Amino acid sequence: MLSVDDLRFVNLVATRTFGSGEPPAEPAGLDAALAAVPTGPPHERAAGLAGALLSRRVFSVAPLTTAFLAMSCQLELGGMQLLAPQGATVGMLRELAGGVVDVGTVARWLEDRAVPTSSEG
């Protein structure tokens, strides 16, 4: 599971790349958001992490980008990588943030689009 420090770094990268250039604001309720992430297969953890970050509005700057990067990193930690068009992924995260879809829907979507990471170097 990504740590608090990992997620702060992810938000820093997202803020510097897609934000206003200002330092990121202090996250709100990051520990509680992490505690809400379910255990289980990589796709469920990744979807749960994105959902917790977005629904709890943990990061005020670049929240969608942060959720996307965190979800991707969480999949990688689980030995998976996402193979989906960027637009489809952004659309799914926007729908999650807007309450159009739930975490379970995103988890099933990821399950269909995440493949094992190649161990070949």
Protein backbone atom coordinates (compact mmCIF):
# COMPACT_ATOMS: atom_id res chain seq x y z
CA MET A 1 0.00 0.00 0.00
CA LEU A 2 1.22 3.49 -0.76
CA SER A 3 2.27 5.41 2.32
CA VAL A 4 1.35 8.93 3.43
CA ASP A 5 4.78 10.08 2.23
CA ASP A 6 4.29 8.37 -1.13
CA LEU A 7 0.96 10.12 -1.63
CA ARG A 8 2.36 13.50 -0.59
CA PHE A 9 5.08 13.02 -3.21
CA VAL A 10 2.54 11.99 -5.85
CA ASN A 11 0.55 15.14 -5.10
CA LEU A 12 3.71 17.25 -5.27
CA VAL A 13 4.45 15.87 -8.74
CA ALA A 14 0.84 16.40 -9.85
CA THR A 15 0.80 19.93 -8.43
CA ARG A 16 4.08 20.93 -10.05
CA THR A 17 3.05 19.45 -13.37
CA PHE A 18 -0.64 20.42 -13.54
CA GLY A 19 -1.22 22.90 -10.73
CA SER A 20 -0.60 26.59 -10.30
CA GLY A 21 3.07 26.20 -9.46
CA GLU A 22 2.40 26.94 -5.80
CA PRO A 23 3.48 24.38 -3.21
CA PRO A 24 0.74 21.82 -2.56
CA ALA A 25 -1.61 22.51 0.32
CA GLU A 26 -1.55 20.25 3.36
CA PRO A 27 -3.70 17.17 2.63
CA ALA A 28 -6.95 16.94 4.57
CA GLY A 29 -7.57 13.61 6.26
CA LEU A 30 -4.96 11.59 4.42
CA ASP A 31 -4.52 9.06 7.23
CA ALA A 32 -8.28 8.47 7.42
CA ALA A 33 -8.49 8.08 3.65
CA LEU A 34 -5.74 5.45 3.69
CA ALA A 35 -7.46 3.61 6.53
CA ALA A 36 -10.61 3.40 4.38
CA VAL A 37 -8.86 1.61 1.49
CA PRO A 38 -9.94 -2.03 1.35
CA THR A 39 -7.58 -4.94 1.37
CA GLY A 40 -7.88 -7.33 -1.51
CA PRO A 41 -6.73 -7.73 -5.09
CA PRO A 42 -4.66 -4.94 -6.66
CA HIS A 43 -7.54 -3.57 -8.73
CA GLU A 44 -9.77 -3.25 -5.65
CA ARG A 45 -7.06 -1.51 -3.63
CA ALA A 46 -6.24 0.87 -6.49
CA ALA A 47 -9.90 1.77 -7.04
CA GLY A 48 -10.44 2.12 -3.29
CA LEU A 49 -7.46 4.44 -2.98
CA ALA A 50 -8.62 6.67 -5.83
CA GLY A 51 -12.13 6.70 -4.40
CA ALA A 52 -10.96 7.58 -0.90
CA LEU A 53 -8.75 10.40 -2.15
CA LEU A 54 -11.50 11.88 -4.32
CA SER A 55 -14.53 11.39 -2.07
CA ARG A 56 -12.75 12.81 0.96
CA ARG A 57 -11.25 15.67 -1.06
CA VAL A 58 -7.85 14.95 0.45
CA PHE A 59 -5.86 17.04 -2.03
CA SER A 60 -7.13 20.48 -2.99
CA VAL A 61 -4.71 20.96 -5.90
CA ALA A 62 -4.65 18.48 -8.82
CA PRO A 63 -6.99 15.95 -7.14
CA LEU A 64 -7.82 13.99 -10.31
CA THR A 65 -4.21 13.81 -11.43
CA THR A 66 -3.15 12.75 -7.94
CA ALA A 67 -5.86 10.07 -7.84
CA PHE A 68 -4.81 8.79 -11.27
CA LEU A 69 -1.11 8.62 -10.36
CA ALA A 70 -1.87 7.03 -6.97
CA MET A 71 -4.16 4.46 -8.60
CA SER A 72 -1.49 3.62 -11.19
CA CYS A 73 1.25 3.35 -8.55
CA GLN A 74 -0.97 1.15 -6.38
CA LEU A 75 -1.57 -1.17 -9.32
CA GLU A 76 2.20 -1.33 -9.93
CA LEU A 77 2.79 -2.25 -6.28
CA GLY A 78 0.35 -5.11 -6.84
CA GLY A 79 2.26 -6.30 -9.90
CA MET A 80 -0.24 -4.87 -12.38
CA GLN A 81 -0.21 -2.12 -14.97
CA LEU A 82 -3.15 -0.30 -16.49
CA LEU A 83 -3.73 -0.69 -20.22
CA ALA A 84 -6.46 1.80 -21.04
CA PRO A 85 -6.69 4.95 -23.13
CA GLN A 86 -5.90 8.07 -21.15
CA GLY A 87 -9.25 9.66 -22.00
CA ALA A 88 -11.19 6.63 -20.78
CA THR A 89 -9.23 6.59 -17.54
CA VAL A 90 -9.76 10.30 -16.94
CA GLY A 91 -13.45 9.89 -17.72
CA MET A 92 -13.77 7.05 -15.23
CA LEU A 93 -12.04 9.09 -12.50
CA ARG A 94 -14.22 12.12 -13.23
CA GLU A 95 -17.31 9.94 -12.92
CA LEU A 96 -15.97 8.52 -9.65
CA ALA A 97 -15.30 12.02 -8.31
CA GLY A 98 -18.78 13.15 -9.38
CA GLY A 99 -20.55 10.18 -7.81
CA VAL A 100 -21.74 8.84 -11.18
CA VAL A 101 -19.95 5.52 -10.56
CA ASP A 102 -18.83 3.89 -7.33
CA VAL A 103 -15.56 2.30 -6.28
CA GLY A 104 -16.86 -1.18 -7.14
CA THR A 105 -17.52 -0.10 -10.71
CA VAL A 106 -14.01 1.33 -10.99
CA ALA A 107 -12.54 -1.85 -9.49
CA ARG A 108 -14.32 -4.00 -12.10
CA TRP A 109 -13.21 -1.58 -14.83
CA LEU A 110 -9.60 -1.87 -13.63
CA GLU A 111 -9.85 -5.65 -13.40
CA ASP A 112 -10.71 -5.74 -17.11
CA ARG A 113 -7.88 -3.33 -18.04
CA ALA A 114 -5.00 -4.19 -15.74
CA VAL A 115 -2.49 -6.82 -16.76
CA PRO A 116 0.38 -8.40 -14.87
CA THR A 117 3.58 -6.40 -15.05
CA SER A 118 6.18 -8.12 -17.18
CA SER A 119 9.06 -9.49 -15.12
CA GLU A 120 11.36 -9.42 -18.13
CA GLY A 121 14.00 -6.71 -18.05
